[in-house]
Amino acid sequence: MLEEQRREALAPLRGHVLEIGFGTGLNLQFYPDEVTKLTALDSERMLPKRVRTRIAQARMPVELLRLNASGSLPFENDTFDGIVTTLTLCSIADVEPALIEIRRVLKPDGAYVFFEHGRSDDPRVATRQDFWNPLQRLIACGCNMNRPIDRLIKGAGMEMIELHRYQLPDTPRLLAEIYRGVAKK
């Protein structure tokens, strides 16, 4: 299920892409052929041998940088044709400045694509998310289950081009609220 969601999320990308929250490189196999180069950021080094293997098998060149996306990104304005986050915005400590930086380094005709979990549009579920979020952040390495992803992206000055909201099956509702879409400058 998550594999198909990743493939659909990444489909609009082309050219030089920035992935924020690279993790172990799970997205690599799902990038479309139109992606010619990938710059990948992560603040952690997880399973380095697996990451090296996945990068070696990638069909495009991959540059992996260790960097926390909460601060300034070390790139010029309008650098990337596409930027992607998948299940990442929940754990960036200062998500608003990070999204503003995403907007800054995205080319005017570029696409920011996202596949994220976040705040439910059901008020009862959202109330439970708010209640349990402090514990979630503690046990899940800073993951926030109650961030309104669409509002955060719009608040960073981006225009929502496409937004799909749904629930992942076989997942607790508190963590199953998905936002998948495309935004532009």
N, C-alpha and C. Protein backbone atom coordinates (compact mmCIF):
# COMPACT_ATOMS: atom_id res chain seq x y z
N MET A 1 0.83 -1.21 0.00
CA MET A 1 0.00 0.00 0.00
C MET A 1 0.87 1.27 0.00
N LEU A 2 1.83 1.34 0.92
CA LEU A 2 2.69 2.53 0.97
C LEU A 2 3.55 2.66 -0.28
N GLU A 3 3.93 1.55 -0.87
CA GLU A 3 4.73 1.61 -2.08
C GLU A 3 3.98 2.30 -3.21
N GLU A 4 2.72 1.95 -3.40
CA GLU A 4 1.93 2.58 -4.45
C GLU A 4 1.70 4.06 -4.14
N GLN A 5 1.52 4.39 -2.86
CA GLN A 5 1.35 5.80 -2.48
C GLN A 5 2.61 6.61 -2.79
N ARG A 6 3.77 6.02 -2.51
CA ARG A 6 5.03 6.71 -2.84
C ARG A 6 5.15 6.92 -4.34
N ARG A 7 4.85 5.89 -5.12
CA ARG A 7 4.93 5.99 -6.59
C ARG A 7 4.02 7.11 -7.10
N GLU A 8 2.80 7.16 -6.62
CA GLU A 8 1.86 8.20 -7.06
C GLU A 8 2.32 9.59 -6.63
N ALA A 9 2.84 9.70 -5.42
CA ALA A 9 3.31 11.00 -4.94
C ALA A 9 4.47 11.53 -5.77
N LEU A 10 5.39 10.66 -6.15
CA LEU A 10 6.60 11.07 -6.86
C LEU A 10 6.40 11.25 -8.37
N ALA A 11 5.30 10.78 -8.91
CA ALA A 11 5.07 10.79 -10.35
C ALA A 11 5.25 12.16 -11.02
N PRO A 12 4.88 13.29 -10.41
CA PRO A 12 5.02 14.57 -11.12
C PRO A 12 6.45 15.10 -11.23
N LEU A 13 7.42 14.45 -10.59
CA LEU A 13 8.77 15.00 -10.52
C LEU A 13 9.55 14.81 -11.81
N ARG A 14 10.51 15.76 -12.04
CA ARG A 14 11.39 15.72 -13.21
C ARG A 14 12.65 16.51 -12.88
N GLY A 15 13.69 16.31 -13.67
CA GLY A 15 14.91 17.10 -13.53
C GLY A 15 15.66 16.85 -12.24
N HIS A 16 16.22 17.93 -11.68
CA HIS A 16 17.00 17.87 -10.44
C HIS A 16 16.04 18.01 -9.26
N VAL A 17 16.02 16.99 -8.41
CA VAL A 17 15.06 16.92 -7.30
C VAL A 17 15.80 16.94 -5.97
N LEU A 18 15.21 17.61 -5.00
CA LEU A 18 15.67 17.62 -3.62
C LEU A 18 14.70 16.80 -2.79
N GLU A 19 15.21 15.77 -2.10
CA GLU A 19 14.39 15.00 -1.17
C GLU A 19 14.81 15.35 0.25
N ILE A 20 13.86 15.80 1.03
CA ILE A 20 14.12 16.15 2.44
C ILE A 20 13.56 15.02 3.30
N GLY A 21 14.43 14.46 4.14
CA GLY A 21 14.04 13.32 4.96
C GLY A 21 14.27 12.02 4.20
N PHE A 22 15.46 11.82 3.70
CA PHE A 22 15.81 10.68 2.85
C PHE A 22 15.71 9.34 3.58
N GLY A 23 16.01 9.33 4.88
CA GLY A 23 15.95 8.10 5.66
C GLY A 23 16.85 7.03 5.08
N THR A 24 16.27 5.87 4.79
CA THR A 24 17.05 4.76 4.22
C THR A 24 16.91 4.66 2.70
N GLY A 25 16.32 5.67 2.10
CA GLY A 25 16.22 5.69 0.63
C GLY A 25 15.07 4.90 0.07
N LEU A 26 14.01 4.75 0.83
CA LEU A 26 12.86 3.96 0.36
C LEU A 26 12.23 4.51 -0.91
N ASN A 27 12.34 5.81 -1.14
CA ASN A 27 11.72 6.41 -2.33
C ASN A 27 12.49 6.13 -3.62
N LEU A 28 13.76 5.78 -3.54
CA LEU A 28 14.61 5.70 -4.73
C LEU A 28 14.00 4.89 -5.87
N GLN A 29 13.43 3.77 -5.57
CA GLN A 29 12.90 2.90 -6.63
C GLN A 29 11.63 3.44 -7.28
N PHE A 30 11.04 4.48 -6.70
CA PHE A 30 9.77 4.99 -7.21
C PHE A 30 9.87 6.30 -7.99
N TYR A 31 11.08 6.84 -8.11
CA TYR A 31 11.22 8.08 -8.88
C TYR A 31 10.99 7.80 -10.36
N PRO A 32 10.28 8.70 -11.04
CA PRO A 32 10.05 8.50 -12.48
C PRO A 32 11.35 8.70 -13.27
N ASP A 33 11.38 8.20 -14.47
CA ASP A 33 12.57 8.30 -15.33
C ASP A 33 12.96 9.74 -15.62
N GLU A 34 12.03 10.67 -15.51
CA GLU A 34 12.31 12.07 -15.82
C GLU A 34 13.20 12.74 -14.77
N VAL A 35 13.39 12.11 -13.61
CA VAL A 35 14.29 12.65 -12.59
C VAL A 35 15.71 12.31 -13.01
N THR A 36 16.54 13.36 -13.20
CA THR A 36 17.90 13.16 -13.71
C THR A 36 18.97 13.24 -12.63
N LYS A 37 18.66 13.83 -11.49
CA LYS A 37 19.60 13.93 -10.38
C LYS A 37 18.81 14.10 -9.10
N LEU A 38 19.32 13.50 -8.02
CA LEU A 38 18.66 13.61 -6.71
C LEU A 38 19.67 14.11 -5.69
N THR A 39 19.30 15.19 -5.02
CA THR A 39 20.04 15.65 -3.84
C THR A 39 19.18 15.29 -2.65
N ALA A 40 19.74 14.53 -1.73
CA ALA A 40 18.97 13.99 -0.61
C ALA A 40 19.53 14.52 0.71
N LEU A 41 18.61 14.97 1.58
CA LEU A 41 18.99 15.50 2.89
C LEU A 41 18.38 14.65 3.99
N ASP A 42 19.16 14.43 5.03
CA ASP A 42 18.64 13.84 6.25
C ASP A 42 19.55 14.27 7.39
N SER A 43 18.97 14.44 8.56
CA SER A 43 19.77 14.83 9.72
C SER A 43 20.38 13.62 10.42
N GLU A 44 19.90 12.44 10.07
CA GLU A 44 20.38 11.20 10.68
C GLU A 44 21.04 10.32 9.63
N ARG A 45 21.84 9.38 10.10
CA ARG A 45 22.40 8.35 9.23
C ARG A 45 21.84 7.02 9.70
N MET A 46 20.83 6.54 9.00
CA MET A 46 20.17 5.29 9.36
C MET A 46 20.64 4.17 8.45
N LEU A 47 20.95 3.04 9.01
CA LEU A 47 21.33 1.84 8.27
C LEU A 47 22.26 2.17 7.09
N PRO A 48 23.45 2.67 7.38
CA PRO A 48 24.33 3.16 6.31
C PRO A 48 24.64 2.15 5.21
N LYS A 49 24.79 0.88 5.55
CA LYS A 49 25.08 -0.12 4.51
C LYS A 49 23.90 -0.25 3.55
N ARG A 50 22.68 -0.28 4.08
CA ARG A 50 21.49 -0.37 3.23
C ARG A 50 21.36 0.87 2.35
N VAL A 51 21.63 2.04 2.93
CA VAL A 51 21.55 3.28 2.17
C VAL A 51 22.56 3.27 1.03
N ARG A 52 23.80 2.86 1.30
CA ARG A 52 24.83 2.80 0.24
C ARG A 52 24.39 1.86 -0.88
N THR A 53 23.82 0.72 -0.51
CA THR A 53 23.36 -0.24 -1.52
C THR A 53 22.25 0.36 -2.37
N ARG A 54 21.28 1.00 -1.74
CA ARG A 54 20.17 1.60 -2.50
C ARG A 54 20.65 2.71 -3.42
N ILE A 55 21.58 3.53 -2.93
CA ILE A 55 22.12 4.60 -3.77
C ILE A 55 22.88 4.02 -4.95
N ALA A 56 23.66 2.97 -4.71
CA ALA A 56 24.42 2.33 -5.79
C ALA A 56 23.50 1.74 -6.86
N GLN A 57 22.30 1.33 -6.47
CA GLN A 57 21.35 0.74 -7.42
C GLN A 57 20.45 1.79 -8.10
N ALA A 58 20.54 3.03 -7.65
CA ALA A 58 19.68 4.09 -8.21
C ALA A 58 20.04 4.33 -9.67
N ARG A 59 19.05 4.64 -10.49
CA ARG A 59 19.30 4.88 -11.91
C ARG A 59 19.73 6.30 -12.20
N MET A 60 19.67 7.20 -11.18
CA MET A 60 20.14 8.57 -11.35
C MET A 60 21.23 8.85 -10.31
N PRO A 61 22.09 9.84 -10.55
CA PRO A 61 23.08 10.19 -9.54
C PRO A 61 22.40 10.72 -8.28
N VAL A 62 22.91 10.32 -7.11
CA VAL A 62 22.35 10.72 -5.83
C VAL A 62 23.46 11.34 -4.98
N GLU A 63 23.23 12.55 -4.52
CA GLU A 63 24.13 13.21 -3.58
C GLU A 63 23.43 13.25 -2.23
N LEU A 64 24.03 12.60 -1.23
CA LEU A 64 23.43 12.52 0.10
C LEU A 64 24.16 13.47 1.04
N LEU A 65 23.40 14.38 1.65
CA LEU A 65 23.96 15.35 2.59
C LEU A 65 23.34 15.17 3.97
N ARG A 66 24.15 15.27 4.99
CA ARG A 66 23.64 15.22 6.36
C ARG A 66 23.36 16.64 6.80
N LEU A 67 22.07 16.94 6.94
CA LEU A 67 21.66 18.31 7.22
C LEU A 67 20.27 18.31 7.85
N ASN A 68 20.07 19.13 8.84
CA ASN A 68 18.77 19.31 9.45
C ASN A 68 18.00 20.34 8.62
N ALA A 69 16.84 19.98 8.14
CA ALA A 69 16.06 20.85 7.25
C ALA A 69 15.35 21.98 8.00
N SER A 70 15.47 22.03 9.33
CA SER A 70 14.82 23.11 10.08
C SER A 70 15.50 24.45 9.86
N GLY A 71 16.76 24.45 9.46
CA GLY A 71 17.50 25.70 9.25
C GLY A 71 17.52 26.10 7.79
N SER A 72 18.42 27.01 7.48
CA SER A 72 18.58 27.45 6.09
C SER A 72 19.14 26.31 5.26
N LEU A 73 18.62 26.18 4.07
CA LEU A 73 19.14 25.18 3.14
C LEU A 73 20.31 25.79 2.39
N PRO A 74 21.40 25.05 2.19
CA PRO A 74 22.61 25.60 1.57
C PRO A 74 22.57 25.61 0.04
N PHE A 75 21.47 26.11 -0.49
CA PHE A 75 21.29 26.15 -1.94
C PHE A 75 20.83 27.54 -2.34
N GLU A 76 21.15 27.91 -3.59
CA GLU A 76 20.70 29.19 -4.13
C GLU A 76 19.18 29.18 -4.32
N ASN A 77 18.59 30.35 -4.41
CA ASN A 77 17.18 30.46 -4.75
C ASN A 77 16.93 29.76 -6.09
N ASP A 78 15.74 29.19 -6.23
CA ASP A 78 15.29 28.62 -7.51
C ASP A 78 16.25 27.56 -8.07
N THR A 79 16.71 26.65 -7.22
CA THR A 79 17.69 25.63 -7.63
C THR A 79 17.05 24.37 -8.18
N PHE A 80 15.95 23.92 -7.59
CA PHE A 80 15.44 22.57 -7.86
C PHE A 80 14.17 22.58 -8.71
N ASP A 81 14.12 21.60 -9.63
CA ASP A 81 12.92 21.40 -10.45
C ASP A 81 11.80 20.78 -9.62
N GLY A 82 12.17 20.04 -8.60
CA GLY A 82 11.18 19.40 -7.74
C GLY A 82 11.74 19.19 -6.35
N ILE A 83 10.86 19.18 -5.39
CA ILE A 83 11.22 18.90 -3.99
C ILE A 83 10.18 17.94 -3.46
N VAL A 84 10.62 16.98 -2.66
CA VAL A 84 9.72 15.97 -2.14
C VAL A 84 9.94 15.77 -0.64
N THR A 85 8.84 15.57 0.07
CA THR A 85 8.86 15.07 1.45
C THR A 85 7.85 13.93 1.52
N THR A 86 8.27 12.84 2.13
CA THR A 86 7.35 11.73 2.37
C THR A 86 7.48 11.33 3.84
N LEU A 87 6.39 11.51 4.55
CA LEU A 87 6.33 11.17 5.97
C LEU A 87 7.49 11.82 6.72
N THR A 88 7.68 13.11 6.43
CA THR A 88 8.82 13.88 6.96
C THR A 88 8.39 15.11 7.74
N LEU A 89 7.37 15.83 7.26
CA LEU A 89 7.00 17.10 7.90
C LEU A 89 6.58 16.92 9.35
N CYS A 90 6.17 15.73 9.71
CA CYS A 90 5.74 15.47 11.09
C CYS A 90 6.88 15.61 12.08
N SER A 91 8.11 15.38 11.63
CA SER A 91 9.22 15.33 12.58
C SER A 91 10.23 16.47 12.44
N ILE A 92 10.00 17.41 11.53
CA ILE A 92 10.87 18.58 11.44
C ILE A 92 10.47 19.52 12.58
N ALA A 93 11.43 19.85 13.43
CA ALA A 93 11.12 20.64 14.63
C ALA A 93 10.47 21.98 14.27
N ASP A 94 11.09 22.76 13.40
CA ASP A 94 10.55 24.05 12.98
C ASP A 94 10.04 23.93 11.56
N VAL A 95 8.85 23.40 11.43
CA VAL A 95 8.33 23.06 10.10
C VAL A 95 8.01 24.29 9.26
N GLU A 96 7.53 25.38 9.87
CA GLU A 96 7.18 26.57 9.08
C GLU A 96 8.40 27.15 8.36
N PRO A 97 9.53 27.41 9.05
CA PRO A 97 10.70 27.91 8.33
C PRO A 97 11.23 26.91 7.30
N ALA A 98 11.11 25.63 7.58
CA ALA A 98 11.55 24.61 6.62
C ALA A 98 10.74 24.70 5.32
N LEU A 99 9.43 24.89 5.44
CA LEU A 99 8.59 25.02 4.25
C LEU A 99 8.88 26.31 3.48
N ILE A 100 9.21 27.37 4.19
CA ILE A 100 9.59 28.62 3.52
C ILE A 100 10.89 28.42 2.74
N GLU A 101 11.82 27.66 3.31
CA GLU A 101 13.06 27.33 2.61
C GLU A 101 12.78 26.45 1.38
N ILE A 102 11.87 25.51 1.52
CA ILE A 102 11.48 24.68 0.37
C ILE A 102 10.99 25.58 -0.76
N ARG A 103 10.14 26.52 -0.42
CA ARG A 103 9.62 27.44 -1.43
C ARG A 103 10.75 28.25 -2.07
N ARG A 104 11.70 28.70 -1.25
CA ARG A 104 12.81 29.53 -1.74
C ARG A 104 13.66 28.79 -2.77
N VAL A 105 13.98 27.52 -2.51
CA VAL A 105 14.91 26.80 -3.39
C VAL A 105 14.21 26.09 -4.56
N LEU A 106 12.89 26.13 -4.57
CA LEU A 106 12.11 25.54 -5.67
C LEU A 106 12.05 26.52 -6.84
N LYS A 107 12.30 26.02 -8.05
CA LYS A 107 12.20 26.87 -9.24
C LYS A 107 10.76 27.35 -9.41
N PRO A 108 10.57 28.50 -10.06
CA PRO A 108 9.21 29.03 -10.25
C PRO A 108 8.26 28.04 -10.93
N ASP A 109 8.76 27.22 -11.84
CA ASP A 109 7.90 26.24 -12.51
C ASP A 109 8.04 24.85 -11.90
N GLY A 110 8.69 24.76 -10.74
CA GLY A 110 8.92 23.48 -10.09
C GLY A 110 7.72 22.99 -9.30
N ALA A 111 7.81 21.76 -8.83
CA ALA A 111 6.72 21.13 -8.07
C ALA A 111 7.23 20.64 -6.72
N TYR A 112 6.52 21.01 -5.67
CA TYR A 112 6.77 20.44 -4.35
C TYR A 112 5.73 19.33 -4.18
N VAL A 113 6.19 18.09 -4.07
CA VAL A 113 5.26 16.97 -3.90
C VAL A 113 5.42 16.43 -2.48
N PHE A 114 4.31 16.01 -1.91
CA PHE A 114 4.32 15.56 -0.52
C PHE A 114 3.39 14.38 -0.33
N PHE A 115 3.78 13.53 0.58
CA PHE A 115 2.99 12.40 1.05
C PHE A 115 3.23 12.37 2.55
N GLU A 116 2.26 12.88 3.31
CA GLU A 116 2.44 13.12 4.73
C GLU A 116 1.22 12.66 5.52
N HIS A 117 1.45 12.33 6.78
CA HIS A 117 0.31 12.09 7.67
C HIS A 117 0.14 13.34 8.52
N GLY A 118 -1.08 13.58 9.00
CA GLY A 118 -1.30 14.80 9.77
C GLY A 118 -2.66 14.85 10.42
N ARG A 119 -3.09 16.09 10.67
CA ARG A 119 -4.30 16.36 11.42
C ARG A 119 -5.55 15.88 10.68
N SER A 120 -6.42 15.24 11.41
CA SER A 120 -7.68 14.77 10.86
C SER A 120 -8.63 15.94 10.64
N ASP A 121 -9.50 15.79 9.63
CA ASP A 121 -10.57 16.78 9.45
C ASP A 121 -11.82 16.42 10.25
N ASP A 122 -11.77 15.31 10.95
CA ASP A 122 -12.84 14.92 11.87
C ASP A 122 -12.50 15.52 13.24
N PRO A 123 -13.32 16.45 13.75
CA PRO A 123 -12.99 17.13 15.01
C PRO A 123 -12.77 16.18 16.19
N ARG A 124 -13.48 15.07 16.23
CA ARG A 124 -13.30 14.12 17.33
C ARG A 124 -11.93 13.46 17.26
N VAL A 125 -11.51 13.08 16.07
CA VAL A 125 -10.19 12.47 15.91
C VAL A 125 -9.11 13.51 16.17
N ALA A 126 -9.28 14.73 15.67
CA ALA A 126 -8.30 15.80 15.88
C ALA A 126 -8.12 16.09 17.37
N THR A 127 -9.20 16.06 18.13
CA THR A 127 -9.10 16.26 19.59
C THR A 127 -8.26 15.16 20.22
N ARG A 128 -8.46 13.94 19.80
CA ARG A 128 -7.65 12.83 20.32
C ARG A 128 -6.19 12.96 19.87
N GLN A 129 -5.97 13.41 18.65
CA GLN A 129 -4.60 13.64 18.18
C GLN A 129 -3.90 14.69 19.06
N ASP A 130 -4.61 15.77 19.36
CA ASP A 130 -4.04 16.82 20.22
C ASP A 130 -3.70 16.26 21.60
N PHE A 131 -4.57 15.43 22.14
CA PHE A 131 -4.36 14.85 23.47
C PHE A 131 -3.13 13.94 23.49
N TRP A 132 -3.01 13.07 22.49
CA TRP A 132 -1.95 12.07 22.47
C TRP A 132 -0.64 12.57 21.85
N ASN A 133 -0.65 13.73 21.20
CA ASN A 133 0.54 14.20 20.50
C ASN A 133 1.78 14.34 21.39
N PRO A 134 1.68 14.87 22.62
CA PRO A 134 2.90 14.95 23.44
C PRO A 134 3.56 13.58 23.67
N LEU A 135 2.76 12.56 23.90
CA LEU A 135 3.31 11.22 24.08
C LEU A 135 3.89 10.71 22.76
N GLN A 136 3.18 10.94 21.66
CA GLN A 136 3.66 10.54 20.35
C GLN A 136 5.03 11.15 20.06
N ARG A 137 5.18 12.44 20.32
CA ARG A 137 6.47 13.10 20.07
C ARG A 137 7.58 12.48 20.89
N LEU A 138 7.26 12.10 22.11
CA LEU A 138 8.26 11.52 23.01
C LEU A 138 8.70 10.13 22.53
N ILE A 139 7.75 9.28 22.18
CA ILE A 139 8.10 7.89 21.85
C ILE A 139 8.45 7.69 20.37
N ALA A 140 8.14 8.66 19.52
CA ALA A 140 8.35 8.48 18.08
C ALA A 140 9.32 9.51 17.51
N CYS A 141 10.36 9.83 18.26
CA CYS A 141 11.45 10.69 17.77
C CYS A 141 10.98 12.03 17.23
N GLY A 142 10.06 12.67 17.92
CA GLY A 142 9.61 14.00 17.53
C GLY A 142 8.48 14.05 16.53
N CYS A 143 7.91 12.91 16.18
CA CYS A 143 6.82 12.86 15.21
C CYS A 143 5.56 13.49 15.80
N ASN A 144 5.00 14.44 15.07
CA ASN A 144 3.74 15.08 15.44
C ASN A 144 2.62 14.51 14.58
N MET A 145 1.57 14.03 15.21
CA MET A 145 0.45 13.44 14.46
C MET A 145 -0.64 14.44 14.12
N ASN A 146 -0.52 15.68 14.61
CA ASN A 146 -1.64 16.62 14.48
C ASN A 146 -1.32 17.88 13.68
N ARG A 147 -0.36 17.81 12.80
CA ARG A 147 -0.04 19.00 12.00
C ARG A 147 -0.97 19.10 10.79
N PRO A 148 -1.55 20.29 10.58
CA PRO A 148 -2.43 20.50 9.42
C PRO A 148 -1.58 20.77 8.17
N ILE A 149 -1.19 19.73 7.51
CA ILE A 149 -0.19 19.81 6.44
C ILE A 149 -0.59 20.80 5.35
N ASP A 150 -1.82 20.77 4.89
CA ASP A 150 -2.24 21.68 3.82
C ASP A 150 -2.13 23.14 4.25
N ARG A 151 -2.55 23.45 5.47
CA ARG A 151 -2.48 24.84 5.95
C ARG A 151 -1.03 25.29 6.12
N LEU A 152 -0.16 24.39 6.55
CA LEU A 152 1.26 24.74 6.71
C LEU A 152 1.89 25.06 5.36
N ILE A 153 1.58 24.25 4.35
CA ILE A 153 2.14 24.48 3.02
C ILE A 153 1.62 25.81 2.45
N LYS A 154 0.34 26.06 2.56
CA LYS A 154 -0.22 27.34 2.09
C LYS A 154 0.35 28.50 2.88
N GLY A 155 0.57 28.31 4.18
CA GLY A 155 1.13 29.36 5.03
C GLY A 155 2.55 29.73 4.65
N ALA A 156 3.25 28.85 3.97
CA ALA A 156 4.61 29.13 3.51
C ALA A 156 4.61 29.86 2.16
N GLY A 157 3.42 30.21 1.67
CA GLY A 157 3.32 30.96 0.43
C GLY A 157 3.24 30.12 -0.82
N MET A 158 2.89 28.86 -0.66
CA MET A 158 2.76 28.00 -1.83
C MET A 158 1.28 27.81 -2.19
N GLU A 159 1.06 27.54 -3.46
CA GLU A 159 -0.29 27.31 -3.96
C GLU A 159 -0.52 25.80 -4.09
N MET A 160 -1.60 25.33 -3.52
CA MET A 160 -1.94 23.92 -3.60
C MET A 160 -2.52 23.64 -4.99
N ILE A 161 -1.84 22.83 -5.77
CA ILE A 161 -2.29 22.48 -7.12
C ILE A 161 -3.17 21.23 -7.07
N GLU A 162 -2.79 20.32 -6.19
CA GLU A 162 -3.50 19.04 -6.09
C GLU A 162 -3.41 18.58 -4.63
N LEU A 163 -4.52 18.11 -4.08
CA LEU A 163 -4.52 17.60 -2.71
C LEU A 163 -5.48 16.42 -2.62
N HIS A 164 -4.96 15.31 -2.13
CA HIS A 164 -5.77 14.12 -1.87
C HIS A 164 -5.73 13.86 -0.37
N ARG A 165 -6.90 13.73 0.23
CA ARG A 165 -7.01 13.42 1.66
C ARG A 165 -7.71 12.08 1.79
N TYR A 166 -7.13 11.18 2.59
CA TYR A 166 -7.72 9.88 2.81
C TYR A 166 -7.09 9.24 4.04
N GLN A 167 -7.58 8.07 4.39
CA GLN A 167 -7.05 7.33 5.53
C GLN A 167 -6.38 6.06 5.03
N LEU A 168 -5.21 5.78 5.59
CA LEU A 168 -4.55 4.52 5.27
C LEU A 168 -5.33 3.38 5.91
N PRO A 169 -5.54 2.30 5.18
CA PRO A 169 -6.24 1.15 5.77
C PRO A 169 -5.33 0.44 6.78
N ASP A 170 -5.96 -0.26 7.69
CA ASP A 170 -5.24 -1.08 8.67
C ASP A 170 -4.23 -0.27 9.49
N THR A 171 -4.54 0.99 9.75
CA THR A 171 -3.67 1.88 10.51
C THR A 171 -4.53 2.60 11.54
N PRO A 172 -4.05 2.75 12.77
CA PRO A 172 -4.84 3.51 13.75
C PRO A 172 -5.19 4.89 13.22
N ARG A 173 -6.44 5.28 13.37
CA ARG A 173 -6.95 6.53 12.78
C ARG A 173 -6.11 7.74 13.18
N LEU A 174 -5.54 7.75 14.38
CA LEU A 174 -4.74 8.88 14.82
C LEU A 174 -3.55 9.13 13.90
N LEU A 175 -3.05 8.07 13.28
CA LEU A 175 -1.87 8.17 12.41
C LEU A 175 -2.19 7.90 10.95
N ALA A 176 -3.44 7.66 10.62
CA ALA A 176 -3.83 7.23 9.27
C ALA A 176 -4.28 8.36 8.36
N GLU A 177 -4.32 9.58 8.85
CA GLU A 177 -4.83 10.72 8.07
C GLU A 177 -3.76 11.21 7.10
N ILE A 178 -3.97 10.97 5.82
CA ILE A 178 -2.95 11.24 4.80
C ILE A 178 -3.28 12.48 3.98
N TYR A 179 -2.22 13.22 3.68
CA TYR A 179 -2.24 14.36 2.76
C TYR A 179 -1.25 14.01 1.66
N ARG A 180 -1.71 13.91 0.43
CA ARG A 180 -0.81 13.66 -0.70
C ARG A 180 -1.14 14.68 -1.79
N GLY A 181 -0.11 15.35 -2.31
CA GLY A 181 -0.42 16.33 -3.34
C GLY A 181 0.79 17.03 -3.92
N VAL A 182 0.47 18.14 -4.61
CA VAL A 182 1.47 18.94 -5.30
C VAL A 182 1.19 20.40 -5.01
N ALA A 183 2.27 21.14 -4.70
CA ALA A 183 2.17 22.59 -4.50
C ALA A 183 3.22 23.27 -5.36
N LYS A 184 2.97 24.54 -5.68
CA LYS A 184 3.91 25.35 -6.46
C LYS A 184 4.08 26.69 -5.78
N LYS A 185 5.10 27.43 -6.26
CA LYS A 185 5.34 28.77 -5.73
C LYS A 185 4.15 29.66 -6.00
